[in-house]
Amino acid sequence: GIMNKDKIFESFEGWKAYAMHSNTYKFRQKLTNKLNKSLKNVD
């Protein structure tokens, strides 16, 4: 209960915002899928 989904996605989008300034398209897609799947499993 320390972080809700909004805060998690806000933090993750912050990471993606600067990761996109290097060659990381496939890596970012992979991690987005991992995050969504992990949240669904917890729920």
PDB file of all heavy atoms in Angstrom:
ATOM      1  N   GLY A   1       0.790  -1.220   0.000  1.00  0.00           N
ATOM      2  CA  GLY A   1       0.000   0.000   0.000  1.00  0.00           C
ATOM      3  C   GLY A   1       0.823   1.271   0.000  1.00  0.00           C
ATOM      4  O   GLY A   1       0.288   2.371   0.217  1.00  0.00           O
ATOM      5  N   ILE A   2       2.121   1.167  -0.236  1.00  0.00           N
ATOM      6  CA  ILE A   2       3.002   2.345  -0.257  1.00  0.00           C
ATOM      7  C   ILE A   2       2.838   3.113  -1.574  1.00  0.00           C
ATOM      8  O   ILE A   2       2.905   4.344  -1.603  1.00  0.00           O
ATOM      9  CB  ILE A   2       4.469   1.920  -0.045  1.00  0.00           C
ATOM     10  CG1 ILE A   2       4.624   1.288   1.349  1.00  0.00           C
ATOM     11  CG2 ILE A   2       5.419   3.100  -0.203  1.00  0.00           C
ATOM     12  CD1 ILE A   2       5.983   0.665   1.573  1.00  0.00           C
ATOM     13  N   MET A   3       2.613   2.392  -2.672  1.00  0.00           N
ATOM     14  CA  MET A   3       2.403   3.014  -3.979  1.00  0.00           C
ATOM     15  C   MET A   3       1.120   2.465  -4.600  1.00  0.00           C
ATOM     16  O   MET A   3       0.847   1.271  -4.510  1.00  0.00           O
ATOM     17  CB  MET A   3       3.587   2.736  -4.922  1.00  0.00           C
ATOM     18  CG  MET A   3       4.869   3.464  -4.598  1.00  0.00           C
ATOM     19  SD  MET A   3       6.153   3.197  -5.864  1.00  0.00           S
ATOM     20  CE  MET A   3       5.615   4.321  -7.157  1.00  0.00           C
ATOM     21  N   ASN A   4       0.346   3.354  -5.241  1.00  0.00           N
ATOM     22  CA  ASN A   4      -0.812   2.894  -6.000  1.00  0.00           C
ATOM     23  C   ASN A   4      -0.430   2.805  -7.481  1.00  0.00           C
ATOM     24  O   ASN A   4       0.695   3.160  -7.872  1.00  0.00           O
ATOM     25  CB  ASN A   4      -2.019   3.814  -5.785  1.00  0.00           C
ATOM     26  CG  ASN A   4      -1.719   5.258  -6.174  1.00  0.00           C
ATOM     27  OD1 ASN A   4      -0.906   5.523  -7.063  1.00  0.00           O
ATOM     28  ND2 ASN A   4      -2.367   6.201  -5.504  1.00  0.00           N
ATOM     29  N   LYS A   5      -1.360   2.363  -8.316  1.00  0.00           N
ATOM     30  CA  LYS A   5      -1.052   2.165  -9.734  1.00  0.00           C
ATOM     31  C   LYS A   5      -0.665   3.479 -10.414  1.00  0.00           C
ATOM     32  O   LYS A   5       0.236   3.510 -11.258  1.00  0.00           O
ATOM     33  CB  LYS A   5      -2.245   1.538 -10.444  1.00  0.00           C
ATOM     34  CG  LYS A   5      -2.441   0.065 -10.149  1.00  0.00           C
ATOM     35  CD  LYS A   5      -3.579  -0.509 -10.987  1.00  0.00           C
ATOM     36  CE  LYS A   5      -3.785  -1.982 -10.680  1.00  0.00           C
ATOM     37  NZ  LYS A   5      -4.891  -2.557 -11.486  1.00  0.00           N
ATOM     38  N   ASP A   6      -1.358   4.556 -10.063  1.00  0.00           N
ATOM     39  CA  ASP A   6      -1.055   5.849 -10.692  1.00  0.00           C
ATOM     40  C   ASP A   6       0.387   6.265 -10.442  1.00  0.00           C
ATOM     41  O   ASP A   6       1.085   6.736 -11.353  1.00  0.00           O
ATOM     42  CB  ASP A   6      -2.002   6.929 -10.164  1.00  0.00           C
ATOM     43  CG  ASP A   6      -3.429   6.758 -10.696  1.00  0.00           C
ATOM     44  OD1 ASP A   6      -3.588   6.054 -11.713  1.00  0.00           O
ATOM     45  OD2 ASP A   6      -4.356   7.321 -10.084  1.00  0.00           O
ATOM     46  N   LYS A   7       0.849   6.101  -9.202  1.00  0.00           N
ATOM     47  CA  LYS A   7       2.223   6.465  -8.853  1.00  0.00           C
ATOM     48  C   LYS A   7       3.228   5.551  -9.550  1.00  0.00           C
ATOM     49  O   LYS A   7       4.305   5.990  -9.966  1.00  0.00           O
ATOM     50  CB  LYS A   7       2.413   6.410  -7.337  1.00  0.00           C
ATOM     51  CG  LYS A   7       1.741   7.551  -6.580  1.00  0.00           C
ATOM     52  CD  LYS A   7       2.400   8.880  -6.921  1.00  0.00           C
ATOM     53  CE  LYS A   7       1.778  10.019  -6.124  1.00  0.00           C
ATOM     54  NZ  LYS A   7       2.393  11.326  -6.508  1.00  0.00           N
ATOM     55  N   ILE A   8       2.887   4.272  -9.643  1.00  0.00           N
ATOM     56  CA  ILE A   8       3.778   3.317 -10.311  1.00  0.00           C
ATOM     57  C   ILE A   8       3.938   3.691 -11.781  1.00  0.00           C
ATOM     58  O   ILE A   8       5.055   3.776 -12.308  1.00  0.00           O
ATOM     59  CB  ILE A   8       3.239   1.875 -10.170  1.00  0.00           C
ATOM     60  CG1 ILE A   8       3.389   1.397  -8.724  1.00  0.00           C
ATOM     61  CG2 ILE A   8       3.983   0.927 -11.128  1.00  0.00           C
ATOM     62  CD1 ILE A   8       2.730   0.065  -8.437  1.00  0.00           C
ATOM     63  N   PHE A   9       2.801   3.943 -12.460  1.00  0.00           N
ATOM     64  CA  PHE A   9       2.875   4.296 -13.883  1.00  0.00           C
ATOM     65  C   PHE A   9       3.547   5.654 -14.091  1.00  0.00           C
ATOM     66  O   PHE A   9       4.262   5.852 -15.076  1.00  0.00           O
ATOM     67  CB  PHE A   9       1.474   4.289 -14.499  1.00  0.00           C
ATOM     68  CG  PHE A   9       0.952   2.911 -14.792  1.00  0.00           C
ATOM     69  CD1 PHE A   9      -0.196   2.442 -14.186  1.00  0.00           C
ATOM     70  CD2 PHE A   9       1.623   2.072 -15.679  1.00  0.00           C
ATOM     71  CE1 PHE A   9      -0.672   1.161 -14.451  1.00  0.00           C
ATOM     72  CE2 PHE A   9       1.160   0.790 -15.954  1.00  0.00           C
ATOM     73  CZ  PHE A   9       0.005   0.330 -15.334  1.00  0.00           C
ATOM     74  N   GLU A  10       3.339   6.575 -13.159  1.00  0.00           N
ATOM     75  CA  GLU A  10       3.991   7.879 -13.249  1.00  0.00           C
ATOM     76  C   GLU A  10       5.515   7.724 -13.184  1.00  0.00           C
ATOM     77  O   GLU A  10       6.253   8.335 -13.954  1.00  0.00           O
ATOM     78  CB  GLU A  10       3.510   8.779 -12.116  1.00  0.00           C
ATOM     79  CG  GLU A  10       4.113  10.169 -12.121  1.00  0.00           C
ATOM     80  CD  GLU A  10       3.657  11.028 -10.948  1.00  0.00           C
ATOM     81  OE1 GLU A  10       2.599  10.724 -10.369  1.00  0.00           O
ATOM     82  OE2 GLU A  10       4.377  11.983 -10.607  1.00  0.00           O
ATOM     83  N   SER A  11       5.975   6.887 -12.247  1.00  0.00           N
ATOM     84  CA  SER A  11       7.412   6.647 -12.107  1.00  0.00           C
ATOM     85  C   SER A  11       7.959   5.922 -13.330  1.00  0.00           C
ATOM     86  O   SER A  11       9.019   6.275 -13.862  1.00  0.00           O
ATOM     87  CB  SER A  11       7.679   5.832 -10.840  1.00  0.00           C
ATOM     88  OG  SER A  11       9.055   5.543 -10.708  1.00  0.00           O
ATOM     89  N   PHE A  12       7.222   4.918 -13.795  1.00  0.00           N
ATOM     90  CA  PHE A  12       7.671   4.127 -14.946  1.00  0.00           C
ATOM     91  C   PHE A  12       7.719   4.980 -16.218  1.00  0.00           C
ATOM     92  O   PHE A  12       8.663   4.881 -17.005  1.00  0.00           O
ATOM     93  CB  PHE A  12       6.750   2.924 -15.142  1.00  0.00           C
ATOM     94  CG  PHE A  12       7.193   1.981 -16.229  1.00  0.00           C
ATOM     95  CD1 PHE A  12       8.364   1.255 -16.094  1.00  0.00           C
ATOM     96  CD2 PHE A  12       6.432   1.825 -17.391  1.00  0.00           C
ATOM     97  CE1 PHE A  12       8.789   0.387 -17.091  1.00  0.00           C
ATOM     98  CE2 PHE A  12       6.842   0.967 -18.391  1.00  0.00           C
ATOM     99  CZ  PHE A  12       8.020   0.243 -18.247  1.00  0.00           C
ATOM    100  N   GLU A  13       6.718   5.837 -16.408  1.00  0.00           N
ATOM    101  CA  GLU A  13       6.705   6.710 -17.582  1.00  0.00           C
ATOM    102  C   GLU A  13       7.858   7.701 -17.536  1.00  0.00           C
ATOM    103  O   GLU A  13       8.412   8.084 -18.571  1.00  0.00           O
ATOM    104  CB  GLU A  13       5.375   7.462 -17.663  1.00  0.00           C
ATOM    105  CG  GLU A  13       4.189   6.595 -18.059  1.00  0.00           C
ATOM    106  CD  GLU A  13       4.351   5.954 -19.425  1.00  0.00           C
ATOM    107  OE1 GLU A  13       4.829   6.646 -20.353  1.00  0.00           O
ATOM    108  OE2 GLU A  13       4.012   4.767 -19.575  1.00  0.00           O
ATOM    109  N   GLY A  14       8.227   8.100 -16.321  1.00  0.00           N
ATOM    110  CA  GLY A  14       9.387   8.981 -16.173  1.00  0.00           C
ATOM    111  C   GLY A  14      10.651   8.304 -16.664  1.00  0.00           C
ATOM    112  O   GLY A  14      11.492   8.917 -17.330  1.00  0.00           O
ATOM    113  N   TRP A  15      10.783   7.014 -16.332  1.00  0.00           N
ATOM    114  CA  TRP A  15      11.948   6.248 -16.808  1.00  0.00           C
ATOM    115  C   TRP A  15      11.918   6.132 -18.325  1.00  0.00           C
ATOM    116  O   TRP A  15      12.937   6.333 -19.001  1.00  0.00           O
ATOM    117  CB  TRP A  15      11.978   4.864 -16.170  1.00  0.00           C
ATOM    118  CG  TRP A  15      13.100   4.027 -16.715  1.00  0.00           C
ATOM    119  CD1 TRP A  15      14.401   4.021 -16.312  1.00  0.00           C
ATOM    120  CD2 TRP A  15      13.025   3.098 -17.816  1.00  0.00           C
ATOM    121  NE1 TRP A  15      15.139   3.146 -17.082  1.00  0.00           N
ATOM    122  CE2 TRP A  15      14.314   2.569 -18.009  1.00  0.00           C
ATOM    123  CE3 TRP A  15      11.990   2.663 -18.640  1.00  0.00           C
ATOM    124  CZ2 TRP A  15      14.594   1.639 -18.992  1.00  0.00           C
ATOM    125  CZ3 TRP A  15      12.270   1.735 -19.625  1.00  0.00           C
ATOM    126  CH2 TRP A  15      13.562   1.230 -19.798  1.00  0.00           C
ATOM    127  N   LYS A  16      10.761   5.821 -18.879  1.00  0.00           N
ATOM    128  CA  LYS A  16      10.635   5.666 -20.326  1.00  0.00           C
ATOM    129  C   LYS A  16      10.957   6.968 -21.060  1.00  0.00           C
ATOM    130  O   LYS A  16      11.508   6.953 -22.162  1.00  0.00           O
ATOM    131  CB  LYS A  16       9.226   5.192 -20.684  1.00  0.00           C
ATOM    132  CG  LYS A  16       8.961   3.737 -20.358  1.00  0.00           C
ATOM    133  CD  LYS A  16       7.485   3.377 -20.514  1.00  0.00           C
ATOM    134  CE  LYS A  16       7.022   3.508 -21.941  1.00  0.00           C
ATOM    135  NZ  LYS A  16       5.598   3.088 -22.086  1.00  0.00           N
ATOM    136  N   ALA A  17      10.614   8.092 -20.428  1.00  0.00           N
ATOM    137  CA  ALA A  17      10.813   9.393 -21.069  1.00  0.00           C
ATOM    138  C   ALA A  17      12.270   9.654 -21.381  1.00  0.00           C
ATOM    139  O   ALA A  17      12.599  10.287 -22.391  1.00  0.00           O
ATOM    140  CB  ALA A  17      10.250  10.502 -20.189  1.00  0.00           C
ATOM    141  N   TYR A  18      13.176   9.225 -20.490  1.00  0.00           N
ATOM    142  CA  TYR A  18      14.584   9.456 -20.816  1.00  0.00           C
ATOM    143  C   TYR A  18      15.235   8.242 -21.469  1.00  0.00           C
ATOM    144  O   TYR A  18      16.213   8.390 -22.207  1.00  0.00           O
ATOM    145  CB  TYR A  18      15.384   9.928 -19.596  1.00  0.00           C
ATOM    146  CG  TYR A  18      15.848   8.888 -18.628  1.00  0.00           C
ATOM    147  CD1 TYR A  18      16.965   8.090 -18.895  1.00  0.00           C
ATOM    148  CD2 TYR A  18      15.198   8.710 -17.422  1.00  0.00           C
ATOM    149  CE1 TYR A  18      17.398   7.152 -17.982  1.00  0.00           C
ATOM    150  CE2 TYR A  18      15.628   7.770 -16.509  1.00  0.00           C
ATOM    151  CZ  TYR A  18      16.721   6.986 -16.804  1.00  0.00           C
ATOM    152  OH  TYR A  18      17.153   6.051 -15.905  1.00  0.00           O
ATOM    153  N   ALA A  19      14.660   7.036 -21.280  1.00  0.00           N
ATOM    154  CA  ALA A  19      15.196   5.856 -21.957  1.00  0.00           C
ATOM    155  C   ALA A  19      15.000   5.964 -23.462  1.00  0.00           C
ATOM    156  O   ALA A  19      15.801   5.441 -24.246  1.00  0.00           O
ATOM    157  CB  ALA A  19      14.526   4.590 -21.422  1.00  0.00           C
ATOM    158  N   MET A  20      13.944   6.669 -23.882  1.00  0.00           N
ATOM    159  CA  MET A  20      13.654   6.806 -25.303  1.00  0.00           C
ATOM    160  C   MET A  20      14.694   7.662 -26.029  1.00  0.00           C
ATOM    161  O   MET A  20      14.731   7.682 -27.263  1.00  0.00           O
ATOM    162  CB  MET A  20      12.259   7.404 -25.501  1.00  0.00           C
ATOM    163  CG  MET A  20      12.112   8.840 -25.088  1.00  0.00           C
ATOM    164  SD  MET A  20      10.410   9.456 -25.277  1.00  0.00           S
ATOM    165  CE  MET A  20      10.228   9.386 -27.063  1.00  0.00           C
ATOM    166  N   HIS A  21      15.566   8.351 -25.270  1.00  0.00           N
ATOM    167  CA  HIS A  21      16.606   9.151 -25.898  1.00  0.00           C
ATOM    168  C   HIS A  21      17.845   8.323 -26.243  1.00  0.00           C
ATOM    169  O   HIS A  21      18.892   8.870 -26.568  1.00  0.00           O
ATOM    170  CB  HIS A  21      16.986  10.325 -24.992  1.00  0.00           C
ATOM    171  CG  HIS A  21      15.929  11.382 -24.951  1.00  0.00           C
ATOM    172  ND1 HIS A  21      15.971  12.505 -25.749  1.00  0.00           N
ATOM    173  CD2 HIS A  21      14.789  11.477 -24.234  1.00  0.00           C
ATOM    174  CE1 HIS A  21      14.894  13.245 -25.522  1.00  0.00           C
ATOM    175  NE2 HIS A  21      14.173  12.649 -24.595  1.00  0.00           N
ATOM    176  N   SER A  22      17.704   6.998 -26.135  1.00  0.00           N
ATOM    177  CA  SER A  22      18.729   6.077 -26.623  1.00  0.00           C
ATOM    178  C   SER A  22      18.004   4.944 -27.346  1.00  0.00           C
ATOM    179  O   SER A  22      16.773   4.880 -27.362  1.00  0.00           O
ATOM    180  CB  SER A  22      19.583   5.544 -25.463  1.00  0.00           C
ATOM    181  OG  SER A  22      18.772   4.888 -24.503  1.00  0.00           O
ATOM    182  N   ASN A  23      18.757   4.033 -27.926  1.00  0.00           N
ATOM    183  CA  ASN A  23      18.158   2.989 -28.758  1.00  0.00           C
ATOM    184  C   ASN A  23      17.566   1.875 -27.887  1.00  0.00           C
ATOM    185  O   ASN A  23      18.194   0.847 -27.656  1.00  0.00           O
ATOM    186  CB  ASN A  23      19.238   2.420 -29.698  1.00  0.00           C
ATOM    187  CG  ASN A  23      18.655   1.453 -30.708  1.00  0.00           C
ATOM    188  OD1 ASN A  23      17.449   1.462 -30.945  1.00  0.00           O
ATOM    189  ND2 ASN A  23      19.492   0.630 -31.294  1.00  0.00           N
ATOM    190  N   THR A  24      16.328   2.077 -27.402  1.00  0.00           N
ATOM    191  CA  THR A  24      15.733   1.144 -26.437  1.00  0.00           C
ATOM    192  C   THR A  24      14.284   0.773 -26.747  1.00  0.00           C
ATOM    193  O   THR A  24      13.562   0.332 -25.857  1.00  0.00           O
ATOM    194  CB  THR A  24      15.764   1.766 -25.029  1.00  0.00           C
ATOM    195  OG1 THR A  24      15.056   3.027 -25.062  1.00  0.00           O
ATOM    196  CG2 THR A  24      17.180   2.010 -24.535  1.00  0.00           C
ATOM    197  N   TYR A  25      13.839   0.923 -28.006  1.00  0.00           N
ATOM    198  CA  TYR A  25      12.420   0.713 -28.306  1.00  0.00           C
ATOM    199  C   TYR A  25      11.926  -0.676 -27.877  1.00  0.00           C
ATOM    200  O   TYR A  25      10.940  -0.797 -27.144  1.00  0.00           O
ATOM    201  CB  TYR A  25      12.157   0.923 -29.796  1.00  0.00           C
ATOM    202  CG  TYR A  25      10.713   0.656 -30.171  1.00  0.00           C
ATOM    203  CD1 TYR A  25       9.718   1.602 -29.903  1.00  0.00           C
ATOM    204  CD2 TYR A  25      10.348  -0.553 -30.772  1.00  0.00           C
ATOM    205  CE1 TYR A  25       8.401   1.358 -30.223  1.00  0.00           C
ATOM    206  CE2 TYR A  25       9.016  -0.809 -31.092  1.00  0.00           C
ATOM    207  CZ  TYR A  25       8.052   0.147 -30.817  1.00  0.00           C
ATOM    208  OH  TYR A  25       6.740  -0.110 -31.123  1.00  0.00           O
ATOM    209  N   LYS A  26      12.603  -1.717 -28.321  1.00  0.00           N
ATOM    210  CA  LYS A  26      12.165  -3.076 -27.998  1.00  0.00           C
ATOM    211  C   LYS A  26      12.238  -3.344 -26.500  1.00  0.00           C
ATOM    212  O   LYS A  26      11.372  -4.016 -25.935  1.00  0.00           O
ATOM    213  CB  LYS A  26      13.012  -4.102 -28.759  1.00  0.00           C
ATOM    214  CG  LYS A  26      12.763  -4.110 -30.254  1.00  0.00           C
ATOM    215  CD  LYS A  26      13.581  -5.201 -30.939  1.00  0.00           C
ATOM    216  CE  LYS A  26      13.297  -5.229 -32.440  1.00  0.00           C
ATOM    217  NZ  LYS A  26      14.093  -6.284 -33.129  1.00  0.00           N
ATOM    218  N   PHE A  27      13.268  -2.822 -25.854  1.00  0.00           N
ATOM    219  CA  PHE A  27      13.437  -3.021 -24.410  1.00  0.00           C
ATOM    220  C   PHE A  27      12.298  -2.351 -23.647  1.00  0.00           C
ATOM    221  O   PHE A  27      11.740  -2.906 -22.695  1.00  0.00           O
ATOM    222  CB  PHE A  27      14.794  -2.450 -23.983  1.00  0.00           C
ATOM    223  CG  PHE A  27      15.131  -2.662 -22.533  1.00  0.00           C
ATOM    224  CD1 PHE A  27      15.130  -3.927 -21.977  1.00  0.00           C
ATOM    225  CD2 PHE A  27      15.455  -1.579 -21.723  1.00  0.00           C
ATOM    226  CE1 PHE A  27      15.442  -4.127 -20.643  1.00  0.00           C
ATOM    227  CE2 PHE A  27      15.767  -1.763 -20.395  1.00  0.00           C
ATOM    228  CZ  PHE A  27      15.759  -3.038 -19.858  1.00  0.00           C
ATOM    229  N   ARG A  28      11.915  -1.138 -24.080  1.00  0.00           N
ATOM    230  CA  ARG A  28      10.823  -0.426 -23.412  1.00  0.00           C
ATOM    231  C   ARG A  28       9.491  -1.158 -23.577  1.00  0.00           C
ATOM    232  O   ARG A  28       8.700  -1.241 -22.640  1.00  0.00           O
ATOM    233  CB  ARG A  28      10.721   1.009 -23.963  1.00  0.00           C
ATOM    234  CG  ARG A  28      11.797   1.932 -23.420  1.00  0.00           C
ATOM    235  CD  ARG A  28      11.645   3.348 -23.954  1.00  0.00           C
ATOM    236  NE  ARG A  28      12.183   3.488 -25.289  1.00  0.00           N
ATOM    237  CZ  ARG A  28      11.516   3.973 -26.319  1.00  0.00           C
ATOM    238  NH1 ARG A  28      10.252   4.337 -26.178  1.00  0.00           N
ATOM    239  NH2 ARG A  28      12.088   4.096 -27.508  1.00  0.00           N
ATOM    240  N   GLN A  29       9.263  -1.714 -24.757  1.00  0.00           N
ATOM    241  CA  GLN A  29       8.038  -2.471 -24.991  1.00  0.00           C
ATOM    242  C   GLN A  29       7.975  -3.717 -24.111  1.00  0.00           C
ATOM    243  O   GLN A  29       6.930  -4.053 -23.535  1.00  0.00           O
ATOM    244  CB  GLN A  29       7.950  -2.885 -26.464  1.00  0.00           C
ATOM    245  CG  GLN A  29       7.686  -1.738 -27.421  1.00  0.00           C
ATOM    246  CD  GLN A  29       6.318  -1.116 -27.185  1.00  0.00           C
ATOM    247  OE1 GLN A  29       6.207  -0.010 -26.670  1.00  0.00           O
ATOM    248  NE2 GLN A  29       5.266  -1.827 -27.526  1.00  0.00           N
ATOM    249  N   LYS A  30       9.092  -4.389 -24.002  1.00  0.00           N
ATOM    250  CA  LYS A  30       9.180  -5.602 -23.188  1.00  0.00           C
ATOM    251  C   LYS A  30       8.875  -5.295 -21.721  1.00  0.00           C
ATOM    252  O   LYS A  30       8.130  -6.036 -21.059  1.00  0.00           O
ATOM    253  CB  LYS A  30      10.578  -6.209 -23.331  1.00  0.00           C
ATOM    254  CG  LYS A  30      10.798  -7.481 -22.510  1.00  0.00           C
ATOM    255  CD  LYS A  30      12.216  -7.994 -22.709  1.00  0.00           C
ATOM    256  CE  LYS A  30      12.462  -9.240 -21.848  1.00  0.00           C
ATOM    257  NZ  LYS A  30      13.859  -9.750 -22.025  1.00  0.00           N
ATOM    258  N   LEU A  31       9.424  -4.207 -21.206  1.00  0.00           N
ATOM    259  CA  LEU A  31       9.223  -3.862 -19.802  1.00  0.00           C
ATOM    260  C   LEU A  31       7.797  -3.362 -19.528  1.00  0.00           C
ATOM    261  O   LEU A  31       7.250  -3.610 -18.454  1.00  0.00           O
ATOM    262  CB  LEU A  31      10.234  -2.795 -19.372  1.00  0.00           C
ATOM    263  CG  LEU A  31      11.679  -3.278 -19.251  1.00  0.00           C
ATOM    264  CD1 LEU A  31      12.584  -2.125 -18.857  1.00  0.00           C
ATOM    265  CD2 LEU A  31      11.804  -4.396 -18.238  1.00  0.00           C
ATOM    266  N   THR A  32       7.222  -2.674 -20.499  1.00  0.00           N
ATOM    267  CA  THR A  32       5.826  -2.244 -20.341  1.00  0.00           C
ATOM    268  C   THR A  32       4.908  -3.446 -20.200  1.00  0.00           C
ATOM    269  O   THR A  32       4.017  -3.472 -19.333  1.00  0.00           O
ATOM    270  CB  THR A  32       5.385  -1.391 -21.557  1.00  0.00           C
ATOM    271  OG1 THR A  32       6.221  -0.233 -21.642  1.00  0.00           O
ATOM    272  CG2 THR A  32       3.935  -0.957 -21.406  1.00  0.00           C
ATOM    273  N   ASN A  33       5.138  -4.448 -21.025  1.00  0.00           N
ATOM    274  CA  ASN A  33       4.343  -5.681 -20.934  1.00  0.00           C
ATOM    275  C   ASN A  33       4.565  -6.389 -19.607  1.00  0.00           C
ATOM    276  O   ASN A  33       3.623  -6.912 -18.993  1.00  0.00           O
ATOM    277  CB  ASN A  33       4.690  -6.624 -22.093  1.00  0.00           C
ATOM    278  CG  ASN A  33       4.274  -6.063 -23.444  1.00  0.00           C
ATOM    279  OD1 ASN A  33       3.353  -5.248 -23.527  1.00  0.00           O
ATOM    280  ND2 ASN A  33       4.947  -6.486 -24.504  1.00  0.00           N
ATOM    281  N   LYS A  34       5.809  -6.385 -19.136  1.00  0.00           N
ATOM    282  CA  LYS A  34       6.143  -7.037 -17.862  1.00  0.00           C
ATOM    283  C   LYS A  34       5.437  -6.343 -16.696  1.00  0.00           C
ATOM    284  O   LYS A  34       4.889  -6.998 -15.802  1.00  0.00           O
ATOM    285  CB  LYS A  34       7.659  -7.013 -17.644  1.00  0.00           C
ATOM    286  CG  LYS A  34       8.125  -7.583 -16.296  1.00  0.00           C
ATOM    287  CD  LYS A  34       9.643  -7.489 -16.172  1.00  0.00           C
ATOM    288  CE  LYS A  34      10.109  -7.902 -14.788  1.00  0.00           C
ATOM    289  NZ  LYS A  34       9.850  -9.321 -14.522  1.00  0.00           N
ATOM    290  N   LEU A  35       5.434  -5.007 -16.712  1.00  0.00           N
ATOM    291  CA  LEU A  35       4.787  -4.253 -15.643  1.00  0.00           C
ATOM    292  C   LEU A  35       3.286  -4.513 -15.610  1.00  0.00           C
ATOM    293  O   LEU A  35       2.708  -4.767 -14.539  1.00  0.00           O
ATOM    294  CB  LEU A  35       5.059  -2.758 -15.818  1.00  0.00           C
ATOM    295  CG  LEU A  35       4.385  -1.817 -14.811  1.00  0.00           C
ATOM    296  CD1 LEU A  35       4.826  -2.130 -13.386  1.00  0.00           C
ATOM    297  CD2 LEU A  35       4.691  -0.361 -15.147  1.00  0.00           C
ATOM    298  N   ASN A  36       2.633  -4.458 -16.764  1.00  0.00           N
ATOM    299  CA  ASN A  36       1.186  -4.683 -16.828  1.00  0.00           C
ATOM    300  C   ASN A  36       0.825  -6.088 -16.375  1.00  0.00           C
ATOM    301  O   ASN A  36      -0.149  -6.290 -15.634  1.00  0.00           O
ATOM    302  CB  ASN A  36       0.678  -4.455 -18.254  1.00  0.00           C
ATOM    303  CG  ASN A  36       0.664  -2.983 -18.638  1.00  0.00           C
ATOM    304  OD1 ASN A  36       0.406  -2.129 -17.804  1.00  0.00           O
ATOM    305  ND2 ASN A  36       0.945  -2.685 -19.900  1.00  0.00           N
ATOM    306  N   LYS A  37       1.615  -7.063 -16.776  1.00  0.00           N
ATOM    307  CA  LYS A  37       1.363  -8.452 -16.391  1.00  0.00           C
ATOM    308  C   LYS A  37       1.551  -8.650 -14.893  1.00  0.00           C
ATOM    309  O   LYS A  37       0.756  -9.333 -14.237  1.00  0.00           O
ATOM    310  CB  LYS A  37       2.304  -9.383 -17.158  1.00  0.00           C
ATOM    311  CG  LYS A  37       2.049 -10.872 -16.907  1.00  0.00           C
ATOM    312  CD  LYS A  37       2.967 -11.728 -17.756  1.00  0.00           C
ATOM    313  CE  LYS A  37       2.713 -13.214 -17.502  1.00  0.00           C
ATOM    314  NZ  LYS A  37       3.610 -14.067 -18.339  1.00  0.00           N
ATOM    315  N   SER A  38       2.582  -8.013 -14.327  1.00  0.00           N
ATOM    316  CA  SER A  38       2.856  -8.143 -12.894  1.00  0.00           C
ATOM    317  C   SER A  38       1.721  -7.549 -12.063  1.00  0.00           C
ATOM    318  O   SER A  38       1.297  -8.129 -11.057  1.00  0.00           O
ATOM    319  CB  SER A  38       4.178  -7.448 -12.546  1.00  0.00           C
ATOM    320  OG  SER A  38       5.267  -8.057 -13.198  1.00  0.00           O
ATOM    321  N   LEU A  39       1.219  -6.374 -12.471  1.00  0.00           N
ATOM    322  CA  LEU A  39       0.111  -5.740 -11.753  1.00  0.00           C
ATOM    323  C   LEU A  39      -1.157  -6.589 -11.812  1.00  0.00           C
ATOM    324  O   LEU A  39      -1.877  -6.724 -10.815  1.00  0.00           O
ATOM    325  CB  LEU A  39      -0.165  -4.355 -12.333  1.00  0.00           C
ATOM    326  CG  LEU A  39       0.841  -3.260 -11.954  1.00  0.00           C
ATOM    327  CD1 LEU A  39       0.623  -2.015 -12.805  1.00  0.00           C
ATOM    328  CD2 LEU A  39       0.760  -2.913 -10.480  1.00  0.00           C
ATOM    329  N   LYS A  40      -1.424  -7.197 -12.960  1.00  0.00           N
ATOM    330  CA  LYS A  40      -2.600  -8.059 -13.100  1.00  0.00           C
ATOM    331  C   LYS A  40      -2.489  -9.278 -12.189  1.00  0.00           C
ATOM    332  O   LYS A  40      -3.476  -9.698 -11.563  1.00  0.00           O
ATOM    333  CB  LYS A  40      -2.755  -8.500 -14.556  1.00  0.00           C
ATOM    334  CG  LYS A  40      -3.257  -7.411 -15.481  1.00  0.00           C
ATOM    335  CD  LYS A  40      -3.410  -7.921 -16.908  1.00  0.00           C
ATOM    336  CE  LYS A  40      -3.915  -6.815 -17.835  1.00  0.00           C
ATOM    337  NZ  LYS A  40      -4.054  -7.292 -19.237  1.00  0.00           N
ATOM    338  N   ASN A  41      -1.285  -9.831 -12.105  1.00  0.00           N
ATOM    339  CA  ASN A  41      -1.074 -11.013 -11.249  1.00  0.00           C
ATOM    340  C   ASN A  41      -1.286 -10.667  -9.779  1.00  0.00           C
ATOM    341  O   ASN A  41      -1.874 -11.449  -9.023  1.00  0.00           O
ATOM    342  CB  ASN A  41       0.321 -11.582 -11.466  1.00  0.00           C
ATOM    343  CG  ASN A  41       0.462 -12.276 -12.799  1.00  0.00           C
ATOM    344  OD1 ASN A  41      -0.529 -12.702 -13.401  1.00  0.00           O
ATOM    345  ND2 ASN A  41       1.694 -12.415 -13.288  1.00  0.00           N
ATOM    346  N   VAL A  42      -0.784  -9.482  -9.347  1.00  0.00           N
ATOM    347  CA  VAL A  42      -0.961  -9.057  -7.959  1.00  0.00           C
ATOM    348  C   VAL A  42      -2.442  -8.861  -7.661  1.00  0.00           C
ATOM    349  O   VAL A  42      -2.941  -9.289  -6.621  1.00  0.00           O
ATOM    350  CB  VAL A  42      -0.185  -7.756  -7.677  1.00  0.00           C
ATOM    351  CG1 VAL A  42      -0.555  -7.199  -6.295  1.00  0.00           C
ATOM    352  CG2 VAL A  42       1.324  -8.017  -7.744  1.00  0.00           C
ATOM    353  N   ASP A  43      -3.157  -8.195  -8.555  1.00  0.00           N
ATOM    354  CA  ASP A  43      -4.590  -7.964  -8.368  1.00  0.00           C
ATOM    355  C   ASP A  43      -5.363  -9.281  -8.312  1.00  0.00           C
ATOM    356  O   ASP A  43      -6.300  -9.436  -7.512  1.00  0.00           O
ATOM    357  CB  ASP A  43      -5.148  -7.089  -9.500  1.00  0.00           C
ATOM    358  CG  ASP A  43      -4.711  -5.642  -9.393  1.00  0.00           C
ATOM    359  OD1 ASP A  43      -4.306  -5.232  -8.283  1.00  0.00           O
ATOM    360  OD2 ASP A  43      -4.747  -4.919 -10.409  1.00  0.00           O
TER     361      ASP A  43
END
